């Protein structure tokens, strides 16, 4: 299973590669910018449902987060 620090880095990298600000990314997914910030800084663990939404949007499979 991927650790929270690795997940945080991956999410931020993929968001930036998509050319989106935290605010834009959050709005697209129905989250708050604060939640995205906390995810990217490793201060909160995402739910599986959140990971599914995020992974669909950035084009990776959610199961990649789980070894």
Protein backbone atom coordinates (compact mmCIF):
# COMPACT_ATOMS: atom_id res chain seq x y z
CA UNK A 1 0.00 0.00 0.00
CA UNK A 2 1.26 3.47 -0.83
CA UNK A 3 2.14 5.61 2.16
CA UNK A 4 0.55 8.99 2.80
CA UNK A 5 3.71 10.94 1.97
CA UNK A 6 4.06 9.24 -1.43
CA UNK A 7 0.38 9.71 -2.14
CA UNK A 8 0.58 13.40 -1.30
CA UNK A 9 3.50 13.95 -3.66
CA UNK A 10 1.82 11.97 -6.45
CA UNK A 11 -1.42 13.92 -6.18
CA UNK A 12 0.33 17.27 -6.27
CA UNK A 13 2.51 16.25 -9.21
CA UNK A 14 -0.45 14.99 -11.23
CA UNK A 15 -2.51 18.11 -10.45
CA UNK A 16 0.32 20.37 -11.57
CA UNK A 17 0.90 18.30 -14.71
CA UNK A 18 -2.80 18.79 -15.46
CA UNK A 19 -2.24 22.55 -15.30
CA UNK A 20 -4.74 23.07 -12.49
CA UNK A 21 -4.56 25.19 -9.38
CA UNK A 22 -5.74 23.66 -6.13
CA UNK A 23 -8.90 25.76 -6.42
CA UNK A 24 -9.63 24.60 -9.97
CA UNK A 25 -8.91 20.99 -9.13
CA UNK A 26 -11.09 21.13 -6.03
CA UNK A 27 -13.99 22.75 -7.87
CA UNK A 28 -13.85 20.15 -10.64
CA UNK A 29 -14.03 17.34 -8.10
CA UNK A 30 -16.57 18.89 -5.75
CA UNK A 31 -14.02 19.30 -2.94
CA UNK A 32 -12.76 22.39 -1.17
CA UNK A 33 -9.36 23.87 -1.97
CA UNK A 34 -8.56 23.40 1.70
CA UNK A 35 -9.16 19.65 1.39
CA UNK A 36 -6.88 19.41 -1.65
CA UNK A 37 -4.21 21.38 0.20
CA UNK A 38 -4.45 19.08 3.21
CA UNK A 39 -4.22 16.02 0.93
CA UNK A 40 -1.15 17.39 -0.83
CA UNK A 41 0.51 18.23 2.48
CA UNK A 42 -0.19 14.80 3.97
CA UNK A 43 -2.39 16.20 6.73
CA UNK A 44 -5.40 14.08 5.87
CA UNK A 45 -5.90 10.61 4.41
CA UNK A 46 -8.37 10.46 1.54
CA UNK A 47 -11.31 8.13 1.61
CA UNK A 48 -11.48 5.45 -1.06
CA UNK A 49 -14.35 7.37 -2.67
CA UNK A 50 -12.19 10.52 -2.83
CA UNK A 51 -9.32 8.55 -4.35
CA UNK A 52 -11.66 7.17 -6.99
CA UNK A 53 -12.84 10.66 -7.94
CA UNK A 54 -9.31 12.03 -8.04
CA UNK A 55 -7.88 9.12 -9.99
CA UNK A 56 -10.64 9.31 -12.61
CA UNK A 57 -9.95 13.00 -13.11
CA UNK A 58 -6.16 12.73 -13.40
CA UNK A 59 -6.29 9.58 -15.52
CA UNK A 60 -4.80 6.93 -13.28
CA UNK A 61 -6.39 3.83 -11.81
CA UNK A 62 -7.31 4.03 -8.12
CA UNK A 63 -5.90 0.55 -7.54
CA UNK A 64 -2.41 1.95 -8.22
CA UNK A 65 -2.64 3.54 -4.79
CA UNK A 66 -2.92 0.11 -3.20
CA UNK A 67 -0.10 -2.41 -3.60
